[in-house]
Amino acid sequence: MISKFLLSVSFYFILFTNIYSQSGWINQISGVTTNLNSVKFVNSQTGWCVGNSGKILKTTNGGLYWNPQSSGFHYNLRALNFPSIDTGYIAGDSGIFLKTLNGGDNWFRLNSVMSKINFSSVFFLNNNEGYLGGNYSKLFRTTNGGVDWDSIDYEGDFIKSIFFININKGWIINGYYVLGTEQVKKTFDGGLNWIVQYGTNTLNKLFFLDSLVGWTVGLGSGPSIFKTKSGGNIWSPCLLCNVGEVSSVFFTDDNKGWLTSYGSIRSTSNGGSNWINYQNLQNTQMKHDIVFTDSLTGWVVGDSGTILKTTTGGILTDFTNFSSEIPEDFSLSQNYPNPFNPKTIINYQCAIYNDVSLKVFDVLGNEVAELVNEKQNAGSYSVEFDGSGFASGIYFYSLYIDGSLFETKRMVLLK
């Protein structure tokens, strides 16, 4: 019995370590095969996710174990929100709106809204004040934790995303079936009046850091990522971001953010001007939602019970050997992200056991950093360069094998 247990633990450790080292994202075991649609964490250890067929999962150890909770229903659950560790709300199809007062140990249905509505978004500012939206042109507001709801009028057929800074100021994404368009609208008075700020073919999610800085993502006829620095008065498209349809977006500050799209996760370190795809991500399932508790720790959920976690902001760090295969030749890859601020990752491969050195130079040819200087086995390696103490500009990094220059590449630090 003990030997089987140790063998099992060793197997999963090797499996998780391999996945982690390949992409910076760990596959977590959800225990379900249904699609997971939304995820929320109140701290680095405690979180929930919901999905189709009434699935609710909770973790109290950062996702090492996900325990099922009973919703009492088999309808698809689309969105959840936890304004505190004990009080939470879930919205879904067929008018499902659930509430817990004990961290999900018990969920009960609030029947004060229409049962025909398929709810797609729920947003609570605190335990009592919140908004709920779905199809049938319905948007609701509560000030007593969902016991009573006020219906809010707006021009449109359905709600896809809700984000409020306070009980009066917020944004929605709403759409029109006949026109085939979707819009970002803003209110200053809790929904009594709405201002159209932007429109395109498809928009999926809103995210705001404060009353001025925010993003909306989706899939239009052109760009699929838009940013505002003026509370939505002006939305600027990311013209160089060819990422396809984006399902969710999350930022921890003005610069660091992540998004999910079909089969991929991407990150930015410059506020969304450039997005880096995690090329070695093993899980190719559709990803629906993403959340971070700090700049390093985050989770993604998606189809077929997918739950992924990162504790490195999604990137490889230090000198991680991320491949067990022996390369056929030496190689030096382009750093990513590039341009970067302030950190970037450099990957390289060694074909045989040898002396390896990786150095960084400024435009004048002065050596400013030595990232690697040791004998290394054959394999693939990744090293992080932190440019926090360096000025903006062009830098070069060079790989030396057995004392001889192998290759040099250019990178750009933008602050």
Protein backbone atom coordinates (compact mmCIF):
# COMPACT_ATOMS: atom_id res chain seq x y z
CA MET A 1 0.00 0.00 0.00
CA ILE A 2 2.78 2.43 0.94
CA SER A 3 4.82 1.65 -2.17
CA LYS A 4 1.77 2.22 -4.41
CA PHE A 5 1.10 5.54 -2.67
CA LEU A 6 4.69 6.70 -3.12
CA LEU A 7 4.65 5.59 -6.73
CA SER A 8 1.42 7.53 -7.32
CA VAL A 9 2.79 10.65 -5.65
CA SER A 10 6.02 10.39 -7.63
CA PHE A 11 4.08 10.01 -10.88
CA TYR A 12 1.97 13.10 -10.31
CA PHE A 13 4.97 15.10 -9.12
CA ILE A 14 6.84 14.25 -12.31
CA LEU A 15 3.75 14.98 -14.41
CA PHE A 16 3.05 18.36 -12.78
CA THR A 17 6.71 19.34 -12.79
CA ASN A 18 6.97 18.57 -16.51
CA ILE A 19 3.84 20.58 -17.33
CA TYR A 20 4.95 23.44 -15.09
CA SER A 21 8.43 23.58 -16.56
CA GLN A 22 7.13 23.53 -20.11
CA SER A 23 4.82 26.51 -19.87
CA GLY A 24 4.68 27.97 -16.38
CA TRP A 25 1.07 26.67 -16.04
CA ILE A 26 0.14 23.62 -13.95
CA ASN A 27 -2.74 21.33 -14.88
CA GLN A 28 -4.90 20.90 -11.78
CA ILE A 29 -7.25 17.95 -11.28
CA SER A 30 -10.84 19.19 -11.24
CA GLY A 31 -12.51 15.80 -11.01
CA VAL A 32 -15.12 16.79 -13.62
CA THR A 33 -15.33 16.60 -17.41
CA THR A 34 -18.00 19.25 -17.95
CA ASN A 35 -17.09 22.72 -19.19
CA LEU A 36 -16.08 25.20 -16.48
CA ASN A 37 -17.21 28.75 -17.22
CA SER A 38 -16.14 31.07 -14.39
CA VAL A 39 -13.53 31.19 -11.59
CA LYS A 40 -13.06 33.50 -8.60
CA PHE A 41 -10.56 33.59 -5.72
CA VAL A 42 -10.80 35.65 -2.52
CA ASN A 43 -7.16 34.96 -1.60
CA SER A 44 -4.29 32.77 -2.78
CA GLN A 45 -5.81 29.66 -1.20
CA THR A 46 -9.60 29.94 -1.36
CA GLY A 47 -11.50 29.94 -4.63
CA TRP A 48 -14.46 28.57 -6.56
CA CYS A 49 -15.32 27.70 -10.13
CA VAL A 50 -18.66 26.85 -11.75
CA GLY A 51 -19.67 25.12 -14.94
CA ASN A 52 -22.24 23.20 -16.92
CA SER A 53 -24.72 20.75 -15.40
CA GLY A 54 -24.79 22.64 -12.09
CA LYS A 55 -21.14 22.01 -11.23
CA ILE A 56 -19.60 23.99 -8.33
CA LEU A 57 -16.04 23.34 -7.15
CA LYS A 58 -14.19 24.87 -4.20
CA THR A 59 -10.56 24.81 -3.09
CA THR A 60 -9.00 25.92 0.19
CA ASN A 61 -5.40 25.04 -0.70
CA GLY A 62 -4.75 26.98 -3.89
CA GLY A 63 -6.22 24.33 -6.16
CA LEU A 64 -4.26 21.30 -4.99
CA TYR A 65 -7.66 19.74 -4.30
CA TRP A 66 -11.00 20.85 -5.74
CA ASN A 67 -14.03 19.67 -3.79
CA PRO A 68 -17.54 19.55 -5.30
CA GLN A 69 -20.34 21.57 -3.75
CA SER A 70 -24.02 20.92 -4.38
CA SER A 71 -25.99 23.47 -6.37
CA GLY A 72 -29.13 21.36 -6.33
CA PHE A 73 -29.65 21.96 -10.06
CA HIS A 74 -28.42 20.60 -13.40
CA TYR A 75 -28.66 23.86 -15.34
CA ASN A 76 -25.50 25.41 -16.74
CA LEU A 77 -23.90 27.89 -14.33
CA ARG A 78 -22.34 30.84 -16.18
CA ALA A 79 -20.95 33.32 -13.66
CA LEU A 80 -20.05 33.69 -10.00
CA ASN A 81 -18.93 36.43 -7.66
CA PHE A 82 -17.60 36.34 -4.09
CA PRO A 83 -17.52 39.78 -2.45
CA SER A 84 -16.26 38.09 0.75
CA ILE A 85 -14.96 34.68 1.81
CA ASP A 86 -18.37 33.60 3.13
CA THR A 87 -20.86 35.38 0.87
CA GLY A 88 -21.08 34.40 -2.78
CA TYR A 89 -23.45 34.47 -5.75
CA ILE A 90 -23.87 32.25 -8.82
CA ALA A 91 -25.91 32.97 -11.96
CA GLY A 92 -26.91 30.60 -14.74
CA ASP A 93 -29.47 29.35 -17.22
CA SER A 94 -33.23 29.17 -16.64
CA GLY A 95 -33.21 31.95 -14.08
CA ILE A 96 -30.77 30.24 -11.72
CA PHE A 97 -29.48 32.66 -9.09
CA LEU A 98 -27.85 31.09 -6.03
CA LYS A 99 -26.44 32.55 -2.84
CA THR A 100 -24.28 31.22 -0.01
CA LEU A 101 -23.57 32.69 3.41
CA ASN A 102 -21.06 30.05 4.52
CA GLY A 103 -18.48 29.79 1.74
CA GLY A 104 -20.55 27.43 -0.36
CA ASP A 105 -21.26 24.71 2.20
CA ASN A 106 -24.90 25.50 1.48
CA TRP A 107 -26.35 27.20 -1.58
CA PHE A 108 -29.94 28.41 -1.79
CA ARG A 109 -31.91 29.82 -4.68
CA LEU A 110 -33.34 33.32 -4.66
CA ASN A 111 -36.55 33.33 -6.71
CA SER A 112 -37.13 37.04 -7.01
CA VAL A 113 -36.22 37.26 -10.71
CA MET A 114 -37.71 35.77 -13.88
CA SER A 115 -37.17 32.03 -14.38
CA LYS A 116 -36.99 32.27 -18.19
CA ILE A 117 -33.84 34.38 -18.21
CA ASN A 118 -30.45 32.85 -18.96
CA PHE A 119 -28.13 34.88 -16.76
CA SER A 120 -24.60 35.42 -18.08
CA SER A 121 -23.05 37.96 -15.69
CA VAL A 122 -23.20 38.83 -11.99
CA PHE A 123 -21.22 41.59 -10.28
CA PHE A 124 -21.31 42.49 -6.57
CA LEU A 125 -19.47 45.43 -5.04
CA ASN A 126 -19.98 44.06 -1.53
CA ASN A 127 -22.23 41.55 0.22
CA ASN A 128 -25.36 43.58 -0.51
CA GLU A 129 -24.96 45.79 -3.59
CA GLY A 130 -24.85 44.06 -6.95
CA TYR A 131 -26.00 43.72 -10.56
CA LEU A 132 -27.28 40.75 -12.54
CA GLY A 133 -27.77 40.47 -16.30
CA GLY A 134 -28.77 38.08 -19.08
CA ASN A 135 -31.04 37.80 -22.07
CA TYR A 136 -34.63 39.04 -22.54
CA SER A 137 -33.27 42.61 -22.24
CA LYS A 138 -32.96 42.19 -18.49
CA LEU A 139 -30.58 43.93 -16.12
CA PHE A 140 -31.26 43.96 -12.38
CA ARG A 141 -29.89 45.81 -9.35
CA THR A 142 -30.07 44.83 -5.67
CA THR A 143 -29.06 46.67 -2.49
CA ASN A 144 -30.00 43.93 -0.02
CA GLY A 145 -28.03 40.90 -1.15
CA GLY A 146 -30.46 39.68 -3.79
CA VAL A 147 -33.60 39.56 -1.67
CA ASP A 148 -35.17 42.31 -3.80
CA TRP A 149 -34.28 43.40 -7.31
CA ASP A 150 -34.99 46.54 -9.31
CA SER A 151 -35.30 46.07 -13.07
CA ILE A 152 -33.09 48.48 -15.05
CA ASP A 153 -34.05 49.66 -18.52
CA TYR A 154 -31.48 49.81 -21.30
CA GLU A 155 -31.71 49.60 -25.07
CA GLY A 156 -30.60 46.14 -26.17
CA ASP A 157 -31.48 42.44 -26.23
CA PHE A 158 -28.97 40.83 -23.85
CA ILE A 159 -26.16 41.46 -21.36
CA LYS A 160 -22.78 39.70 -21.64
CA SER A 161 -20.58 41.44 -19.05
CA ILE A 162 -21.02 43.81 -16.09
CA PHE A 163 -18.34 45.82 -14.26
CA PHE A 164 -19.01 48.53 -11.66
CA ILE A 165 -16.59 50.76 -9.74
CA ASN A 166 -19.26 51.82 -7.26
CA ILE A 167 -23.04 51.42 -7.00
CA ASN A 168 -23.60 54.26 -9.48
CA LYS A 169 -20.70 54.16 -11.94
CA GLY A 170 -20.28 51.12 -14.16
CA TRP A 171 -20.21 49.55 -17.60
CA ILE A 172 -22.04 46.77 -19.42
CA ILE A 173 -21.61 44.91 -22.69
CA ASN A 174 -25.01 44.52 -24.34
CA GLY A 175 -25.98 43.23 -27.74
CA TYR A 176 -28.65 43.30 -30.44
CA TYR A 177 -29.77 40.06 -32.12
CA VAL A 178 -31.07 41.62 -35.34
CA LEU A 179 -28.24 44.11 -35.84
CA GLY A 180 -25.55 41.60 -34.87
CA THR A 181 -23.64 44.21 -32.91
CA GLU A 182 -22.54 44.59 -29.30
CA GLN A 183 -21.77 47.75 -27.36
CA VAL A 184 -20.00 49.05 -24.30
CA LYS A 185 -22.32 51.34 -22.34
CA LYS A 186 -21.59 53.42 -19.23
CA THR A 187 -23.79 54.73 -16.46
CA PHE A 188 -23.17 57.40 -13.80
CA ASP A 189 -26.45 56.92 -11.93
CA GLY A 190 -26.80 53.20 -11.26
CA GLY A 191 -28.36 52.41 -14.63
CA LEU A 192 -31.02 55.09 -14.95
CA ASN A 193 -29.19 56.51 -17.96
CA TRP A 194 -26.68 54.91 -20.32
CA ILE A 195 -24.05 56.33 -22.68
CA VAL A 196 -22.90 54.26 -25.68
CA GLN A 197 -19.10 54.30 -25.70
CA TYR A 198 -18.05 51.67 -28.23
CA GLY A 199 -19.55 49.08 -30.58
CA THR A 200 -18.33 46.21 -32.75
CA ASN A 201 -19.36 42.72 -33.88
CA THR A 202 -18.61 40.71 -30.74
CA LEU A 203 -17.50 41.75 -27.24
CA ASN A 204 -17.16 39.26 -24.41
CA LYS A 205 -15.71 40.74 -21.21
CA LEU A 206 -15.00 43.99 -19.39
CA PHE A 207 -12.26 44.64 -16.84
CA PHE A 208 -11.43 47.90 -15.07
CA LEU A 209 -8.62 48.75 -12.66
CA ASP A 210 -10.24 52.01 -11.58
CA SER A 211 -12.64 54.65 -12.87
CA LEU A 212 -10.36 55.48 -15.82
CA VAL A 213 -8.28 52.48 -16.93
CA GLY A 214 -10.02 49.46 -18.41
CA TRP A 215 -10.16 46.90 -21.20
CA THR A 216 -12.82 45.15 -23.25
CA VAL A 217 -12.15 42.06 -25.37
CA GLY A 218 -13.98 39.98 -27.96
CA LEU A 219 -13.84 39.48 -31.70
CA GLY A 220 -14.58 42.22 -34.16
CA SER A 221 -13.95 42.62 -37.86
CA GLY A 222 -10.50 43.89 -36.85
CA PRO A 223 -8.78 44.03 -33.44
CA SER A 224 -10.17 42.06 -30.49
CA ILE A 225 -8.55 43.99 -27.60
CA PHE A 226 -9.47 47.57 -26.68
CA LYS A 227 -8.14 49.78 -23.88
CA THR A 228 -9.36 53.01 -22.32
CA LYS A 229 -7.53 55.50 -20.13
CA SER A 230 -10.49 57.87 -19.92
CA GLY A 231 -13.23 55.78 -18.34
CA GLY A 232 -14.41 54.65 -21.74
CA ASN A 233 -14.68 58.03 -23.45
CA ILE A 234 -11.98 56.83 -25.86
CA TRP A 235 -11.28 53.17 -26.63
CA SER A 236 -7.98 52.39 -28.39
CA PRO A 237 -7.67 49.11 -30.32
CA CYS A 238 -4.52 47.02 -30.11
CA LEU A 239 -3.77 47.14 -33.86
CA LEU A 240 -0.80 44.75 -33.67
CA CYS A 241 -2.52 42.14 -31.48
CA ASN A 242 -3.44 39.27 -33.77
CA VAL A 243 -4.84 36.97 -31.08
CA GLY A 244 -8.24 35.94 -32.47
CA GLU A 245 -11.33 35.89 -30.27
CA VAL A 246 -10.66 36.68 -26.61
CA SER A 247 -12.94 35.22 -23.94
CA SER A 248 -11.61 36.83 -20.76
CA VAL A 249 -9.07 39.39 -19.53
CA PHE A 250 -7.53 40.25 -16.14
CA PHE A 251 -4.98 42.86 -15.01
CA THR A 252 -3.20 43.25 -11.67
CA ASP A 253 -1.82 46.73 -12.45
CA ASP A 254 -1.46 49.17 -15.36
CA ASN A 255 1.11 46.95 -17.07
CA LYS A 256 0.66 43.30 -16.15
CA GLY A 257 -2.29 41.46 -17.63
CA TRP A 258 -3.44 38.15 -19.09
CA LEU A 259 -6.13 36.98 -21.49
CA THR A 260 -7.65 33.71 -22.59
CA SER A 261 -8.60 32.72 -26.10
CA TYR A 262 -9.24 29.46 -27.88
CA GLY A 263 -6.59 26.99 -26.70
CA SER A 264 -4.21 29.68 -25.50
CA ILE A 265 -3.23 32.03 -22.69
CA ARG A 266 -1.38 35.27 -23.36
CA SER A 267 0.28 37.88 -21.17
CA THR A 268 1.38 41.50 -21.44
CA SER A 269 3.87 43.52 -19.42
CA ASN A 270 3.16 46.89 -21.08
CA GLY A 271 -0.54 47.43 -20.53
CA GLY A 272 -1.67 45.47 -23.57
CA SER A 273 0.44 46.99 -26.34
CA ASN A 274 2.01 43.58 -26.93
CA TRP A 275 0.77 40.12 -25.97
CA ILE A 276 2.96 37.03 -25.63
CA ASN A 277 1.52 33.57 -26.29
CA TYR A 278 2.66 30.69 -24.07
CA GLN A 279 3.90 28.52 -26.92
CA ASN A 280 4.54 25.39 -24.81
CA LEU A 281 1.09 25.27 -23.21
CA GLN A 282 0.04 21.62 -23.27
CA ASN A 283 -3.70 22.07 -22.66
CA THR A 284 -5.46 23.16 -25.86
CA GLN A 285 -9.02 23.18 -24.54
CA MET A 286 -11.13 26.33 -24.91
CA LYS A 287 -10.39 28.67 -21.98
CA HIS A 288 -13.34 30.68 -20.61
CA ASP A 289 -12.19 32.67 -17.58
CA ILE A 290 -9.04 33.85 -15.80
CA VAL A 291 -8.30 35.35 -12.37
CA PHE A 292 -5.18 36.42 -10.48
CA THR A 293 -4.72 37.12 -6.76
CA ASP A 294 -1.37 38.86 -7.33
CA SER A 295 1.08 39.41 -10.19
CA LEU A 296 2.33 35.80 -10.00
CA THR A 297 -0.57 33.60 -8.87
CA GLY A 298 -3.48 32.91 -11.19
CA TRP A 299 -5.96 30.33 -12.49
CA VAL A 300 -7.70 29.60 -15.79
CA VAL A 301 -10.77 27.41 -16.34
CA GLY A 302 -12.21 26.00 -19.53
CA ASP A 303 -13.76 23.09 -21.41
CA SER A 304 -13.67 19.45 -20.27
CA GLY A 305 -12.98 20.34 -16.63
CA THR A 306 -9.82 22.30 -17.43
CA ILE A 307 -8.18 24.13 -14.51
CA LEU A 308 -4.69 25.61 -14.91
CA LYS A 309 -2.62 27.43 -12.29
CA THR A 310 0.53 29.54 -12.39
CA THR A 311 2.71 30.78 -9.54
CA THR A 312 5.15 32.60 -11.83
CA GLY A 313 2.80 34.91 -13.71
CA GLY A 314 2.72 32.25 -16.42
CA ILE A 315 6.39 32.51 -17.38
CA LEU A 316 9.40 30.30 -16.83
CA THR A 317 11.89 31.53 -14.26
CA ASP A 318 15.51 30.82 -13.29
CA PHE A 319 17.33 28.04 -15.16
CA THR A 320 14.50 25.60 -15.61
CA ASN A 321 15.30 22.58 -17.78
CA PHE A 322 11.96 22.40 -19.56
CA SER A 323 12.53 19.47 -21.89
CA SER A 324 13.77 15.93 -21.31
CA GLU A 325 14.67 15.55 -25.00
CA ILE A 326 18.28 16.07 -26.03
CA PRO A 327 18.51 18.82 -28.70
CA GLU A 328 20.25 18.02 -31.95
CA ASP A 329 22.16 21.31 -31.93
CA PHE A 330 22.83 24.46 -29.92
CA SER A 331 20.32 27.28 -30.36
CA LEU A 332 19.43 30.69 -28.91
CA SER A 333 15.80 31.86 -29.07
CA GLN A 334 14.38 35.37 -29.25
CA ASN A 335 13.51 36.66 -25.80
CA TYR A 336 9.85 37.10 -24.82
CA PRO A 337 8.21 39.40 -24.22
CA ASN A 338 10.07 41.79 -26.50
CA PRO A 339 9.90 44.73 -25.98
CA PHE A 340 9.77 44.09 -22.22
CA ASN A 341 9.39 45.94 -18.90
CA PRO A 342 11.13 45.07 -16.68
CA LYS A 343 11.57 41.29 -17.07
CA THR A 344 11.97 38.98 -20.04
CA ILE A 345 12.72 35.30 -20.65
CA ILE A 346 15.56 33.92 -22.80
CA ASN A 347 15.47 30.27 -23.94
CA TYR A 348 18.44 28.33 -25.31
CA GLN A 349 19.43 24.74 -26.05
CA CYS A 350 22.61 22.76 -25.46
CA ALA A 351 23.36 19.70 -27.59
CA ILE A 352 26.14 18.27 -25.37
CA TYR A 353 27.62 18.77 -21.91
CA ASN A 354 29.73 21.90 -22.18
CA ASP A 355 30.76 25.27 -20.70
CA VAL A 356 27.90 27.71 -21.24
CA SER A 357 27.83 31.48 -20.79
CA LEU A 358 24.98 33.90 -21.48
CA LYS A 359 25.82 37.61 -21.35
CA VAL A 360 23.95 40.89 -21.87
CA PHE A 361 25.56 43.95 -23.52
CA ASP A 362 24.48 47.56 -24.08
CA VAL A 363 24.60 49.29 -27.47
CA LEU A 364 28.21 50.36 -26.84
CA GLY A 365 29.30 46.77 -26.38
CA ASN A 366 29.74 46.99 -22.62
CA GLU A 367 28.85 43.83 -20.70
CA VAL A 368 26.08 44.71 -18.25
CA ALA A 369 25.03 41.28 -16.97
CA GLU A 370 26.11 37.65 -16.98
CA LEU A 371 23.07 35.42 -16.66
CA VAL A 372 24.76 32.02 -16.98
CA ASN A 373 28.35 30.87 -16.47
CA GLU A 374 28.65 27.14 -15.75
CA LYS A 375 28.91 23.67 -17.22
CA GLN A 376 25.48 22.41 -18.28
CA ASN A 377 24.10 19.10 -19.46
CA ALA A 378 22.45 18.71 -22.83
CA GLY A 379 18.91 20.06 -22.71
CA SER A 380 16.69 23.11 -23.05
CA TYR A 381 17.03 25.99 -20.61
CA SER A 382 15.24 29.20 -19.71
CA VAL A 383 16.64 32.21 -17.85
CA GLU A 384 15.04 35.44 -16.72
CA PHE A 385 16.64 38.84 -17.29
CA ASP A 386 15.48 41.57 -14.92
CA GLY A 387 15.99 45.03 -16.41
CA SER A 388 14.72 46.92 -13.36
CA GLY A 389 18.08 48.57 -12.78
CA PHE A 390 18.75 49.41 -16.40
CA ALA A 391 17.78 52.34 -18.62
CA SER A 392 15.36 51.97 -21.51
CA GLY A 393 17.00 51.10 -24.79
CA ILE A 394 18.40 48.38 -27.04
CA TYR A 395 20.42 45.55 -25.51
CA PHE A 396 22.09 42.47 -26.94
CA TYR A 397 22.41 39.02 -25.42
CA SER A 398 25.04 36.50 -26.52
CA LEU A 399 25.40 32.77 -26.00
CA TYR A 400 28.95 31.42 -25.61
CA ILE A 401 29.74 27.71 -25.91
CA ASP A 402 33.10 26.51 -24.59
CA GLY A 403 34.37 30.11 -24.58
CA SER A 404 33.42 30.84 -28.20
CA LEU A 405 30.63 33.14 -29.33
CA PHE A 406 27.72 31.09 -30.71
CA GLU A 407 24.98 33.65 -31.43
CA THR A 408 23.78 37.16 -30.53
CA LYS A 409 20.23 38.56 -30.52
CA ARG A 410 18.72 41.96 -29.85
CA MET A 411 16.11 42.92 -27.24
CA VAL A 412 14.40 46.20 -26.30
CA LEU A 413 13.71 47.45 -22.78
CA LEU A 414 10.82 49.95 -22.64
CA LYS A 415 9.95 51.76 -19.40
